[in-house]
Amino acid sequence: VGFYLLLACVLTWPLIKHLNMQLPSGTDTLLHYWNDWWVWEALSSGETPYFTTYMFYPDGLSMVYHNFALVHILGFGALRPFFGQVAAYNLVYLVNLALCGVSAFWLAKTLTGDSGAAFVAGIIYQAWPHRLTQPSHPNLMSTWPIPLFLLFLYRTTQTKRWRDAIAAGLMLALVGYMRWQLLIPATLMGGI
């Protein structure tokens, strides 16, 4: 876990150096930063996050179809009181990247039994070029439940244990909470 967290810091350098001052670059970074802030702002004032008057004032705007990265938002809300908003956003980003490497390691280790191959698989999944060139899309940073879904699905077929099946279902649900569109590749891979 420590190695993949260190790798996340290296791959996103100099983000860790400017943890409190700078957000990852990209076209949608400010949108997702605002999303994280808005959900917690709405919940703390007893409002629904699915409608806001902060846009198109005074009529407001429905946020039902808005692109919320809910698991990212949850991490942001948990870390924000301790580290501040910018650092919380960046820490969740880095942790999600590290979790991608760790989850791919566990899947590859289970499938191959080879720690070296699993180590490389974790690096490859974590450092996927498309993921690293899209830092403004936290949903792409948060794909770590997909390897875990595949891991527990595989274990279910091998062990026939209910807890593995339940874990597979929970990971698939978590994939959906990361971003509904991610259910498509996850179920395709799971079906294979």
N, C-alpha and C. Protein backbone atom coordinates (compact mmCIF):
# COMPACT_ATOMS: atom_id res chain seq x y z
N VAL A 1 0.84 -1.19 0.00
CA VAL A 1 0.00 0.00 0.00
C VAL A 1 0.88 1.25 0.00
N GLY A 2 1.92 1.22 0.84
CA GLY A 2 2.83 2.37 0.90
C GLY A 2 3.51 2.64 -0.43
N PHE A 3 3.92 1.55 -1.11
CA PHE A 3 4.58 1.74 -2.40
C PHE A 3 3.62 2.40 -3.40
N TYR A 4 2.38 1.92 -3.47
CA TYR A 4 1.44 2.47 -4.45
C TYR A 4 1.04 3.90 -4.09
N LEU A 5 1.05 4.24 -2.82
CA LEU A 5 0.80 5.63 -2.43
C LEU A 5 1.98 6.51 -2.83
N LEU A 6 3.18 6.02 -2.62
CA LEU A 6 4.38 6.75 -3.06
C LEU A 6 4.37 6.90 -4.58
N LEU A 7 4.01 5.85 -5.29
CA LEU A 7 3.93 5.91 -6.75
C LEU A 7 2.90 6.95 -7.20
N ALA A 8 1.77 7.04 -6.50
CA ALA A 8 0.75 8.05 -6.83
C ALA A 8 1.34 9.45 -6.70
N CYS A 9 2.13 9.67 -5.65
CA CYS A 9 2.77 10.98 -5.47
C CYS A 9 3.78 11.27 -6.58
N VAL A 10 4.55 10.26 -6.98
CA VAL A 10 5.54 10.43 -8.04
C VAL A 10 4.85 10.70 -9.38
N LEU A 11 3.81 9.92 -9.67
CA LEU A 11 3.11 10.05 -10.95
C LEU A 11 2.40 11.39 -11.11
N THR A 12 2.03 12.01 -10.00
CA THR A 12 1.30 13.27 -10.07
C THR A 12 2.16 14.47 -9.65
N TRP A 13 3.47 14.24 -9.51
CA TRP A 13 4.36 15.32 -9.08
C TRP A 13 4.18 16.54 -9.96
N PRO A 14 4.09 17.71 -9.45
CA PRO A 14 4.38 18.21 -8.11
C PRO A 14 3.13 18.40 -7.24
N LEU A 15 2.08 17.63 -7.46
CA LEU A 15 0.84 17.82 -6.71
C LEU A 15 1.07 17.74 -5.20
N ILE A 16 1.81 16.75 -4.74
CA ILE A 16 2.03 16.59 -3.31
C ILE A 16 2.80 17.78 -2.73
N LYS A 17 3.63 18.39 -3.54
CA LYS A 17 4.41 19.55 -3.11
C LYS A 17 3.50 20.77 -2.87
N HIS A 18 2.40 20.85 -3.61
CA HIS A 18 1.45 21.97 -3.52
C HIS A 18 0.10 21.49 -3.01
N LEU A 19 0.11 20.55 -2.09
CA LEU A 19 -1.10 19.88 -1.63
C LEU A 19 -2.20 20.85 -1.17
N ASN A 20 -1.82 21.91 -0.48
CA ASN A 20 -2.79 22.87 0.06
C ASN A 20 -3.10 24.03 -0.87
N MET A 21 -2.37 24.13 -1.99
CA MET A 21 -2.48 25.34 -2.80
C MET A 21 -3.00 25.11 -4.21
N GLN A 22 -2.88 23.92 -4.74
CA GLN A 22 -3.15 23.70 -6.16
C GLN A 22 -3.97 22.44 -6.35
N LEU A 23 -4.91 22.49 -7.29
CA LEU A 23 -5.69 21.32 -7.67
C LEU A 23 -5.07 20.69 -8.90
N PRO A 24 -5.37 19.42 -9.16
CA PRO A 24 -4.87 18.81 -10.40
C PRO A 24 -5.36 19.60 -11.61
N SER A 25 -4.54 19.69 -12.64
CA SER A 25 -4.93 20.45 -13.82
C SER A 25 -5.98 19.68 -14.60
N GLY A 26 -6.71 20.41 -15.42
CA GLY A 26 -7.71 19.76 -16.26
C GLY A 26 -8.95 20.60 -16.43
N THR A 27 -9.73 20.24 -17.42
CA THR A 27 -10.90 21.03 -17.78
C THR A 27 -12.03 20.95 -16.78
N ASP A 28 -12.19 19.83 -16.08
CA ASP A 28 -13.33 19.66 -15.18
C ASP A 28 -12.94 19.68 -13.70
N THR A 29 -11.71 20.00 -13.38
CA THR A 29 -11.27 19.97 -11.99
C THR A 29 -12.11 20.90 -11.13
N LEU A 30 -12.31 22.12 -11.56
CA LEU A 30 -13.09 23.06 -10.75
C LEU A 30 -14.54 22.62 -10.61
N LEU A 31 -15.08 21.99 -11.64
CA LEU A 31 -16.44 21.46 -11.56
C LEU A 31 -16.54 20.41 -10.45
N HIS A 32 -15.61 19.47 -10.43
CA HIS A 32 -15.67 18.41 -9.42
C HIS A 32 -15.32 18.95 -8.03
N TYR A 33 -14.44 19.90 -7.97
CA TYR A 33 -14.14 20.55 -6.69
C TYR A 33 -15.40 21.23 -6.16
N TRP A 34 -16.12 21.94 -7.04
CA TRP A 34 -17.37 22.58 -6.65
C TRP A 34 -18.40 21.52 -6.25
N ASN A 35 -18.48 20.42 -6.99
CA ASN A 35 -19.41 19.34 -6.64
C ASN A 35 -19.17 18.86 -5.21
N ASP A 36 -17.89 18.62 -4.90
CA ASP A 36 -17.56 18.13 -3.56
C ASP A 36 -18.01 19.14 -2.51
N TRP A 37 -17.69 20.41 -2.74
CA TRP A 37 -18.09 21.46 -1.82
C TRP A 37 -19.61 21.55 -1.72
N TRP A 38 -20.29 21.55 -2.88
CA TRP A 38 -21.74 21.77 -2.90
C TRP A 38 -22.49 20.67 -2.17
N VAL A 39 -22.14 19.42 -2.36
CA VAL A 39 -22.86 18.33 -1.69
C VAL A 39 -22.78 18.51 -0.18
N TRP A 40 -21.60 18.80 0.35
CA TRP A 40 -21.46 18.97 1.80
C TRP A 40 -22.12 20.25 2.28
N GLU A 41 -22.09 21.29 1.47
CA GLU A 41 -22.77 22.54 1.81
C GLU A 41 -24.28 22.30 1.90
N ALA A 42 -24.84 21.60 0.92
CA ALA A 42 -26.28 21.32 0.90
C ALA A 42 -26.68 20.43 2.07
N LEU A 43 -25.92 19.37 2.31
CA LEU A 43 -26.27 18.46 3.40
C LEU A 43 -26.17 19.13 4.76
N SER A 44 -25.16 19.97 4.95
CA SER A 44 -24.99 20.63 6.25
C SER A 44 -26.07 21.67 6.51
N SER A 45 -26.70 22.19 5.47
CA SER A 45 -27.78 23.16 5.66
C SER A 45 -29.16 22.52 5.50
N GLY A 46 -29.20 21.20 5.41
CA GLY A 46 -30.48 20.50 5.33
C GLY A 46 -31.14 20.53 3.97
N GLU A 47 -30.41 20.92 2.95
CA GLU A 47 -30.95 20.96 1.59
C GLU A 47 -30.59 19.69 0.84
N THR A 48 -31.23 19.49 -0.28
CA THR A 48 -30.87 18.39 -1.16
C THR A 48 -29.72 18.82 -2.07
N PRO A 49 -28.74 17.97 -2.29
CA PRO A 49 -27.67 18.35 -3.21
C PRO A 49 -28.11 18.28 -4.67
N TYR A 50 -29.31 17.80 -4.91
CA TYR A 50 -29.78 17.60 -6.29
C TYR A 50 -30.54 18.80 -6.85
N PHE A 51 -30.44 19.94 -6.18
CA PHE A 51 -30.98 21.19 -6.70
C PHE A 51 -30.17 22.33 -6.10
N THR A 52 -29.85 23.32 -6.92
CA THR A 52 -29.09 24.47 -6.41
C THR A 52 -29.58 25.76 -7.05
N THR A 53 -29.55 26.82 -6.25
CA THR A 53 -29.79 28.15 -6.81
C THR A 53 -28.47 28.88 -7.04
N TYR A 54 -27.36 28.23 -6.76
CA TYR A 54 -26.05 28.83 -7.03
C TYR A 54 -25.77 28.93 -8.53
N MET A 55 -26.52 28.17 -9.30
CA MET A 55 -26.44 28.28 -10.76
C MET A 55 -27.80 28.71 -11.28
N PHE A 56 -27.79 29.55 -12.28
CA PHE A 56 -29.01 30.08 -12.90
C PHE A 56 -29.93 30.74 -11.87
N TYR A 57 -29.31 31.52 -10.99
CA TYR A 57 -30.06 32.25 -9.98
C TYR A 57 -31.03 33.20 -10.65
N PRO A 58 -32.22 33.39 -10.20
CA PRO A 58 -32.85 32.88 -8.99
C PRO A 58 -33.63 31.58 -9.20
N ASP A 59 -33.75 31.14 -10.45
CA ASP A 59 -34.56 29.94 -10.71
C ASP A 59 -33.90 28.66 -10.21
N GLY A 60 -32.60 28.60 -10.29
CA GLY A 60 -31.88 27.42 -9.85
C GLY A 60 -31.77 26.37 -10.94
N LEU A 61 -31.19 25.25 -10.58
CA LEU A 61 -30.89 24.20 -11.55
C LEU A 61 -31.02 22.83 -10.88
N SER A 62 -31.67 21.92 -11.57
CA SER A 62 -31.74 20.54 -11.09
C SER A 62 -30.37 19.90 -11.28
N MET A 63 -29.93 19.20 -10.25
CA MET A 63 -28.63 18.53 -10.29
C MET A 63 -28.80 17.01 -10.36
N VAL A 64 -30.00 16.56 -10.66
CA VAL A 64 -30.28 15.12 -10.67
C VAL A 64 -29.38 14.38 -11.66
N TYR A 65 -29.16 14.96 -12.82
CA TYR A 65 -28.34 14.31 -13.84
C TYR A 65 -26.89 14.82 -13.84
N HIS A 66 -26.52 15.51 -12.79
CA HIS A 66 -25.17 16.07 -12.70
C HIS A 66 -24.17 14.96 -12.42
N ASN A 67 -22.93 15.17 -12.77
CA ASN A 67 -21.87 14.17 -12.65
C ASN A 67 -21.24 14.23 -11.26
N PHE A 68 -21.88 13.59 -10.29
CA PHE A 68 -21.34 13.52 -8.94
C PHE A 68 -20.51 12.26 -8.78
N ALA A 69 -19.27 12.41 -8.34
CA ALA A 69 -18.41 11.27 -8.00
C ALA A 69 -18.60 11.03 -6.50
N LEU A 70 -19.64 10.27 -6.16
CA LEU A 70 -20.11 10.20 -4.78
C LEU A 70 -19.07 9.67 -3.79
N VAL A 71 -18.30 8.67 -4.17
CA VAL A 71 -17.31 8.13 -3.24
C VAL A 71 -16.18 9.16 -3.04
N HIS A 72 -15.83 9.87 -4.09
CA HIS A 72 -14.84 10.95 -3.97
C HIS A 72 -15.36 12.03 -3.04
N ILE A 73 -16.64 12.36 -3.19
CA ILE A 73 -17.26 13.39 -2.36
C ILE A 73 -17.27 12.96 -0.89
N LEU A 74 -17.53 11.69 -0.63
CA LEU A 74 -17.53 11.18 0.74
C LEU A 74 -16.14 11.32 1.37
N GLY A 75 -15.10 10.94 0.64
CA GLY A 75 -13.74 11.10 1.15
C GLY A 75 -13.38 12.55 1.38
N PHE A 76 -13.78 13.41 0.45
CA PHE A 76 -13.54 14.85 0.58
C PHE A 76 -14.19 15.38 1.86
N GLY A 77 -15.42 14.98 2.11
CA GLY A 77 -16.13 15.44 3.31
C GLY A 77 -15.48 14.96 4.59
N ALA A 78 -14.94 13.75 4.56
CA ALA A 78 -14.29 13.21 5.76
C ALA A 78 -12.96 13.90 6.05
N LEU A 79 -12.23 14.26 5.02
CA LEU A 79 -10.89 14.85 5.21
C LEU A 79 -10.89 16.37 5.33
N ARG A 80 -11.92 17.01 4.79
CA ARG A 80 -11.95 18.48 4.75
C ARG A 80 -11.80 19.15 6.11
N PRO A 81 -12.45 18.67 7.17
CA PRO A 81 -12.28 19.36 8.45
C PRO A 81 -10.85 19.29 9.00
N PHE A 82 -10.09 18.29 8.59
CA PHE A 82 -8.75 18.10 9.12
C PHE A 82 -7.65 18.75 8.28
N PHE A 83 -7.86 18.81 6.96
CA PHE A 83 -6.80 19.27 6.06
C PHE A 83 -7.16 20.50 5.25
N GLY A 84 -8.41 20.90 5.24
CA GLY A 84 -8.86 21.99 4.39
C GLY A 84 -9.36 21.44 3.06
N GLN A 85 -10.04 22.28 2.31
CA GLN A 85 -10.72 21.82 1.10
C GLN A 85 -9.77 21.38 -0.01
N VAL A 86 -8.79 22.19 -0.33
CA VAL A 86 -7.90 21.86 -1.44
C VAL A 86 -7.09 20.61 -1.12
N ALA A 87 -6.52 20.54 0.06
CA ALA A 87 -5.73 19.36 0.45
C ALA A 87 -6.60 18.11 0.51
N ALA A 88 -7.83 18.25 1.01
CA ALA A 88 -8.74 17.09 1.07
C ALA A 88 -9.03 16.55 -0.32
N TYR A 89 -9.30 17.45 -1.25
CA TYR A 89 -9.55 17.03 -2.63
C TYR A 89 -8.34 16.28 -3.19
N ASN A 90 -7.16 16.84 -2.98
CA ASN A 90 -5.93 16.23 -3.50
C ASN A 90 -5.61 14.91 -2.83
N LEU A 91 -5.83 14.81 -1.53
CA LEU A 91 -5.56 13.56 -0.82
C LEU A 91 -6.48 12.44 -1.29
N VAL A 92 -7.74 12.76 -1.49
CA VAL A 92 -8.68 11.74 -2.00
C VAL A 92 -8.24 11.28 -3.39
N TYR A 93 -7.80 12.21 -4.19
CA TYR A 93 -7.29 11.90 -5.53
C TYR A 93 -6.11 10.93 -5.44
N LEU A 94 -5.14 11.24 -4.58
CA LEU A 94 -3.94 10.40 -4.44
C LEU A 94 -4.28 9.03 -3.85
N VAL A 95 -5.14 8.99 -2.87
CA VAL A 95 -5.53 7.71 -2.26
C VAL A 95 -6.25 6.84 -3.27
N ASN A 96 -7.14 7.43 -4.07
CA ASN A 96 -7.83 6.64 -5.10
C ASN A 96 -6.85 6.07 -6.12
N LEU A 97 -5.86 6.85 -6.50
CA LEU A 97 -4.84 6.33 -7.42
C LEU A 97 -4.10 5.15 -6.79
N ALA A 98 -3.71 5.29 -5.53
CA ALA A 98 -3.01 4.21 -4.84
C ALA A 98 -3.89 2.97 -4.73
N LEU A 99 -5.16 3.15 -4.44
CA LEU A 99 -6.08 2.01 -4.32
C LEU A 99 -6.23 1.28 -5.65
N CYS A 100 -6.09 1.99 -6.75
CA CYS A 100 -6.12 1.33 -8.07
C CYS A 100 -4.98 0.32 -8.16
N GLY A 101 -3.79 0.74 -7.78
CA GLY A 101 -2.64 -0.17 -7.81
C GLY A 101 -2.80 -1.34 -6.87
N VAL A 102 -3.26 -1.08 -5.65
CA VAL A 102 -3.42 -2.13 -4.65
C VAL A 102 -4.47 -3.16 -5.09
N SER A 103 -5.60 -2.69 -5.60
CA SER A 103 -6.67 -3.63 -5.99
C SER A 103 -6.25 -4.48 -7.18
N ALA A 104 -5.53 -3.88 -8.13
CA ALA A 104 -5.04 -4.67 -9.27
C ALA A 104 -3.98 -5.68 -8.80
N PHE A 105 -3.16 -5.30 -7.82
CA PHE A 105 -2.19 -6.23 -7.26
C PHE A 105 -2.90 -7.44 -6.67
N TRP A 106 -3.93 -7.21 -5.86
CA TRP A 106 -4.64 -8.33 -5.22
C TRP A 106 -5.29 -9.25 -6.25
N LEU A 107 -5.88 -8.66 -7.29
CA LEU A 107 -6.49 -9.48 -8.33
C LEU A 107 -5.43 -10.32 -9.04
N ALA A 108 -4.36 -9.68 -9.48
CA ALA A 108 -3.31 -10.41 -10.20
C ALA A 108 -2.63 -11.45 -9.32
N LYS A 109 -2.43 -11.14 -8.05
CA LYS A 109 -1.82 -12.10 -7.13
C LYS A 109 -2.70 -13.33 -6.97
N THR A 110 -4.01 -13.14 -6.89
CA THR A 110 -4.94 -14.25 -6.77
C THR A 110 -4.96 -15.09 -8.04
N LEU A 111 -4.95 -14.44 -9.19
CA LEU A 111 -5.04 -15.16 -10.46
C LEU A 111 -3.75 -15.87 -10.85
N THR A 112 -2.61 -15.25 -10.54
CA THR A 112 -1.34 -15.81 -10.99
C THR A 112 -0.55 -16.51 -9.89
N GLY A 113 -0.77 -16.10 -8.64
CA GLY A 113 0.02 -16.62 -7.54
C GLY A 113 1.44 -16.08 -7.52
N ASP A 114 1.74 -15.14 -8.38
CA ASP A 114 3.09 -14.59 -8.52
C ASP A 114 3.10 -13.14 -8.03
N SER A 115 3.83 -12.89 -6.96
CA SER A 115 3.89 -11.53 -6.39
C SER A 115 4.54 -10.53 -7.34
N GLY A 116 5.56 -10.96 -8.07
CA GLY A 116 6.22 -10.06 -9.02
C GLY A 116 5.29 -9.62 -10.13
N ALA A 117 4.56 -10.58 -10.69
CA ALA A 117 3.61 -10.24 -11.76
C ALA A 117 2.50 -9.35 -11.21
N ALA A 118 2.06 -9.64 -9.99
CA ALA A 118 1.01 -8.83 -9.38
C ALA A 118 1.50 -7.40 -9.12
N PHE A 119 2.74 -7.28 -8.70
CA PHE A 119 3.34 -5.97 -8.45
C PHE A 119 3.34 -5.14 -9.74
N VAL A 120 3.76 -5.75 -10.83
CA VAL A 120 3.78 -5.06 -12.13
C VAL A 120 2.36 -4.74 -12.59
N ALA A 121 1.43 -5.67 -12.40
CA ALA A 121 0.04 -5.42 -12.79
C ALA A 121 -0.52 -4.22 -12.04
N GLY A 122 -0.20 -4.10 -10.75
CA GLY A 122 -0.66 -2.95 -9.98
C GLY A 122 -0.11 -1.65 -10.51
N ILE A 123 1.17 -1.66 -10.88
CA ILE A 123 1.80 -0.45 -11.45
C ILE A 123 1.12 -0.08 -12.77
N ILE A 124 0.91 -1.08 -13.62
CA ILE A 124 0.31 -0.81 -14.93
C ILE A 124 -1.10 -0.25 -14.78
N TYR A 125 -1.90 -0.86 -13.90
CA TYR A 125 -3.28 -0.39 -13.73
C TYR A 125 -3.31 1.01 -13.11
N GLN A 126 -2.43 1.25 -12.15
CA GLN A 126 -2.40 2.56 -11.50
C GLN A 126 -1.89 3.64 -12.46
N ALA A 127 -0.90 3.31 -13.26
CA ALA A 127 -0.26 4.30 -14.14
C ALA A 127 -0.83 4.27 -15.55
N TRP A 128 -2.02 3.73 -15.72
CA TRP A 128 -2.68 3.71 -17.03
C TRP A 128 -2.66 5.13 -17.60
N PRO A 129 -2.08 5.32 -18.79
CA PRO A 129 -1.91 6.67 -19.33
C PRO A 129 -3.20 7.48 -19.42
N HIS A 130 -4.31 6.84 -19.80
CA HIS A 130 -5.56 7.60 -19.89
C HIS A 130 -5.96 8.14 -18.52
N ARG A 131 -5.76 7.34 -17.48
CA ARG A 131 -6.09 7.78 -16.12
C ARG A 131 -5.24 8.99 -15.74
N LEU A 132 -3.95 8.92 -16.04
CA LEU A 132 -3.05 9.99 -15.62
C LEU A 132 -3.17 11.26 -16.45
N THR A 133 -3.72 11.15 -17.65
CA THR A 133 -3.90 12.36 -18.47
C THR A 133 -5.28 12.99 -18.25
N GLN A 134 -6.07 12.42 -17.35
CA GLN A 134 -7.41 12.94 -17.06
C GLN A 134 -7.56 13.26 -15.57
N PRO A 135 -6.66 14.05 -15.01
CA PRO A 135 -6.74 14.29 -13.56
C PRO A 135 -7.97 15.08 -13.13
N SER A 136 -8.66 15.67 -14.08
CA SER A 136 -9.85 16.45 -13.72
C SER A 136 -11.11 15.60 -13.66
N HIS A 137 -10.96 14.29 -13.81
CA HIS A 137 -12.11 13.38 -13.75
C HIS A 137 -11.90 12.37 -12.63
N PRO A 138 -12.37 12.69 -11.42
CA PRO A 138 -12.14 11.79 -10.28
C PRO A 138 -12.73 10.41 -10.48
N ASN A 139 -13.71 10.28 -11.36
CA ASN A 139 -14.30 8.97 -11.62
C ASN A 139 -13.29 8.02 -12.26
N LEU A 140 -12.35 8.56 -13.04
CA LEU A 140 -11.31 7.72 -13.63
C LEU A 140 -10.24 7.35 -12.62
N MET A 141 -10.10 8.16 -11.59
CA MET A 141 -9.14 7.85 -10.53
C MET A 141 -9.70 6.79 -9.59
N SER A 142 -11.01 6.63 -9.63
CA SER A 142 -11.70 5.81 -8.63
C SER A 142 -12.17 4.47 -9.20
N THR A 143 -11.39 3.87 -10.07
CA THR A 143 -11.82 2.60 -10.66
C THR A 143 -11.31 1.39 -9.89
N TRP A 144 -10.79 1.61 -8.70
CA TRP A 144 -10.25 0.50 -7.91
C TRP A 144 -11.29 -0.56 -7.54
N PRO A 145 -12.60 -0.26 -7.46
CA PRO A 145 -13.53 -1.36 -7.15
C PRO A 145 -13.68 -2.38 -8.29
N ILE A 146 -13.31 -2.02 -9.52
CA ILE A 146 -13.47 -2.97 -10.63
C ILE A 146 -12.58 -4.20 -10.44
N PRO A 147 -11.28 -4.06 -10.18
CA PRO A 147 -10.49 -5.26 -9.91
C PRO A 147 -10.97 -6.04 -8.68
N LEU A 148 -11.47 -5.32 -7.66
CA LEU A 148 -11.98 -6.02 -6.48
C LEU A 148 -13.26 -6.79 -6.81
N PHE A 149 -14.12 -6.21 -7.64
CA PHE A 149 -15.31 -6.92 -8.10
C PHE A 149 -14.91 -8.20 -8.83
N LEU A 150 -13.94 -8.09 -9.73
CA LEU A 150 -13.49 -9.27 -10.48
C LEU A 150 -12.83 -10.29 -9.55
N LEU A 151 -12.08 -9.82 -8.56
CA LEU A 151 -11.45 -10.71 -7.60
C LEU A 151 -12.49 -11.51 -6.82
N PHE A 152 -13.49 -10.82 -6.27
CA PHE A 152 -14.51 -11.53 -5.49
C PHE A 152 -15.41 -12.38 -6.36
N LEU A 153 -15.63 -11.96 -7.59
CA LEU A 153 -16.41 -12.79 -8.52
C LEU A 153 -15.65 -14.08 -8.82
N TYR A 154 -14.36 -13.97 -9.06
CA TYR A 154 -13.53 -15.15 -9.30
C TYR A 154 -13.54 -16.06 -8.07
N ARG A 155 -13.36 -15.46 -6.90
CA ARG A 155 -13.35 -16.27 -5.68
C ARG A 155 -14.69 -16.96 -5.46
N THR A 156 -15.78 -16.30 -5.85
CA THR A 156 -17.10 -16.91 -5.72
C THR A 156 -17.18 -18.17 -6.58
N THR A 157 -16.65 -18.10 -7.80
CA THR A 157 -16.69 -19.28 -8.68
C THR A 157 -15.80 -20.40 -8.16
N GLN A 158 -14.76 -20.05 -7.41
CA GLN A 158 -13.84 -21.06 -6.91
C GLN A 158 -14.27 -21.66 -5.58
N THR A 159 -14.76 -20.82 -4.69
CA THR A 159 -15.06 -21.27 -3.32
C THR A 159 -16.53 -21.53 -3.07
N LYS A 160 -17.39 -20.93 -3.89
CA LYS A 160 -18.85 -21.03 -3.73
C LYS A 160 -19.33 -20.48 -2.38
N ARG A 161 -18.56 -19.56 -1.80
CA ARG A 161 -18.94 -18.98 -0.51
C ARG A 161 -19.82 -17.76 -0.73
N TRP A 162 -20.83 -17.63 0.11
CA TRP A 162 -21.75 -16.51 0.03
C TRP A 162 -21.06 -15.18 0.29
N ARG A 163 -20.11 -15.18 1.22
CA ARG A 163 -19.47 -13.90 1.55
C ARG A 163 -18.68 -13.35 0.37
N ASP A 164 -18.11 -14.22 -0.46
CA ASP A 164 -17.43 -13.74 -1.66
C ASP A 164 -18.44 -13.18 -2.66
N ALA A 165 -19.59 -13.84 -2.77
CA ALA A 165 -20.64 -13.35 -3.68
C ALA A 165 -21.18 -12.02 -3.20
N ILE A 166 -21.37 -11.88 -1.90
CA ILE A 166 -21.85 -10.61 -1.35
C ILE A 166 -20.81 -9.52 -1.57
N ALA A 167 -19.54 -9.84 -1.35
CA ALA A 167 -18.47 -8.86 -1.57
C ALA A 167 -18.42 -8.45 -3.05
N ALA A 168 -18.60 -9.42 -3.96
CA ALA A 168 -18.63 -9.08 -5.39
C ALA A 168 -19.78 -8.13 -5.69
N GLY A 169 -20.94 -8.41 -5.13
CA GLY A 169 -22.09 -7.53 -5.34
C GLY A 169 -21.87 -6.14 -4.76
N LEU A 170 -21.26 -6.07 -3.59
CA LEU A 170 -20.98 -4.77 -2.99
C LEU A 170 -19.97 -3.98 -3.82
N MET A 171 -18.95 -4.66 -4.34
CA MET A 171 -17.97 -3.97 -5.18
C MET A 171 -18.60 -3.49 -6.48
N LEU A 172 -19.50 -4.29 -7.06
CA LEU A 172 -20.19 -3.86 -8.28
C LEU A 172 -21.07 -2.64 -7.99
N ALA A 173 -21.74 -2.65 -6.84
CA ALA A 173 -22.55 -1.48 -6.46
C ALA A 173 -21.65 -0.26 -6.27
N LEU A 174 -20.48 -0.46 -5.67
CA LEU A 174 -19.54 0.64 -5.48
C LEU A 174 -19.05 1.19 -6.82
N VAL A 175 -18.85 0.30 -7.79
CA VAL A 175 -18.49 0.75 -9.13
C VAL A 175 -19.57 1.70 -9.65
N GLY A 176 -20.82 1.32 -9.47
CA GLY A 176 -21.92 2.18 -9.91
C GLY A 176 -21.95 3.52 -9.20
N TYR A 177 -21.60 3.53 -7.92
CA TYR A 177 -21.56 4.79 -7.19
C TYR A 177 -20.39 5.65 -7.62
N MET A 178 -19.31 5.02 -8.09
CA MET A 178 -18.18 5.80 -8.61
C MET A 178 -18.62 6.56 -9.86
N ARG A 179 -19.29 5.84 -10.74
CA ARG A 179 -19.86 6.43 -11.95
C ARG A 179 -20.66 5.35 -12.64
N TRP A 180 -21.91 5.65 -12.95
CA TRP A 180 -22.80 4.64 -13.51
C TRP A 180 -22.25 4.03 -14.80
N GLN A 181 -21.58 4.84 -15.63
CA GLN A 181 -21.05 4.33 -16.88
C GLN A 181 -19.98 3.26 -16.68
N LEU A 182 -19.31 3.25 -15.53
CA LEU A 182 -18.28 2.25 -15.26
C LEU A 182 -18.87 0.85 -15.07
N LEU A 183 -20.18 0.78 -14.87
CA LEU A 183 -20.82 -0.53 -14.77
C LEU A 183 -20.73 -1.31 -16.08
N ILE A 184 -20.65 -0.60 -17.18
CA ILE A 184 -20.59 -1.27 -18.49
C ILE A 184 -19.33 -2.11 -18.62
N PRO A 185 -18.12 -1.52 -18.49
CA PRO A 185 -16.94 -2.38 -18.60
C PRO A 185 -16.84 -3.40 -17.47
N ALA A 186 -17.30 -3.04 -16.27
CA ALA A 186 -17.21 -4.00 -15.15
C ALA A 186 -18.07 -5.22 -15.41
N THR A 187 -19.28 -5.03 -15.88
CA THR A 187 -20.14 -6.19 -16.12
C THR A 187 -19.69 -6.97 -17.36
N LEU A 188 -19.13 -6.28 -18.34
CA LEU A 188 -18.59 -7.00 -19.50
C LEU A 188 -17.43 -7.91 -19.08
N MET A 189 -16.51 -7.36 -18.27
CA MET A 189 -15.38 -8.17 -17.80
C MET A 189 -15.85 -9.28 -16.87
N GLY A 190 -16.81 -8.97 -16.02
CA GLY A 190 -17.35 -9.99 -15.12
C GLY A 190 -18.07 -11.09 -15.88
N GLY A 191 -18.75 -10.72 -16.95
CA GLY A 191 -19.44 -11.71 -17.77
C GLY A 191 -18.48 -12.65 -18.47
N ILE A 192 -17.34 -12.12 -18.88
CA ILE A 192 -16.33 -12.96 -19.54
C ILE A 192 -15.75 -13.93 -18.55
